Each structure stands twice: as structure tokens, then as C-alpha cells.
Amino acid sequence: MFLLWHNLHAAGRSTRTRVARDPLAPALLWDYQDGYPAGIPARLQRAVLGGLAAIAKRAGYQRRWLKISPDQH
């Protein structure tokens, strides 16, 4: 999850406060977390964010954003 977040920010794909600009990226970040954010029913999170995460995976977001760059070794 943190590697994805770092790579998005390093590529300029997030705001100054590290919020991803692309709507599929937060869904993929949600997929890698170990819980559910408070305030939104878990069933709704699984339906909406889980569906968007599946689309992100099919679109190749994992391959594109989870690469380890040479400076990260």
C-alpha cells in the first residue's frame, strides 16, 4: 500500500497532501488496507471500492504503480 502511495506521489499523480488524483488509485489503495475507514458501512465500501479496485487491477494499475524503481532498493 505504501509503495503504491509513494509511487503515485513521486510521479506527480497525487496532490500536495498525497491524495491520489485518479479515482481508481484510492480504490486500489483501499484494497491493500487491513480494515475499513470509519463512517462508511463496510458493505458499501466492499461494493463500491471493491468494484473500482477490480477495475483498477484489470486496467493494469498494479503493474504500472507497484514497480520498484532503482532508487528504492
Foldseek 3Di string as FASTA:
>chain_A
DVQLLVQCVVVVQADPVSHGPDPLSVLLVVVPDDDDDPPDDPVVNCVVSVVSPVVCVVVPVCVVRNDDDPVRD
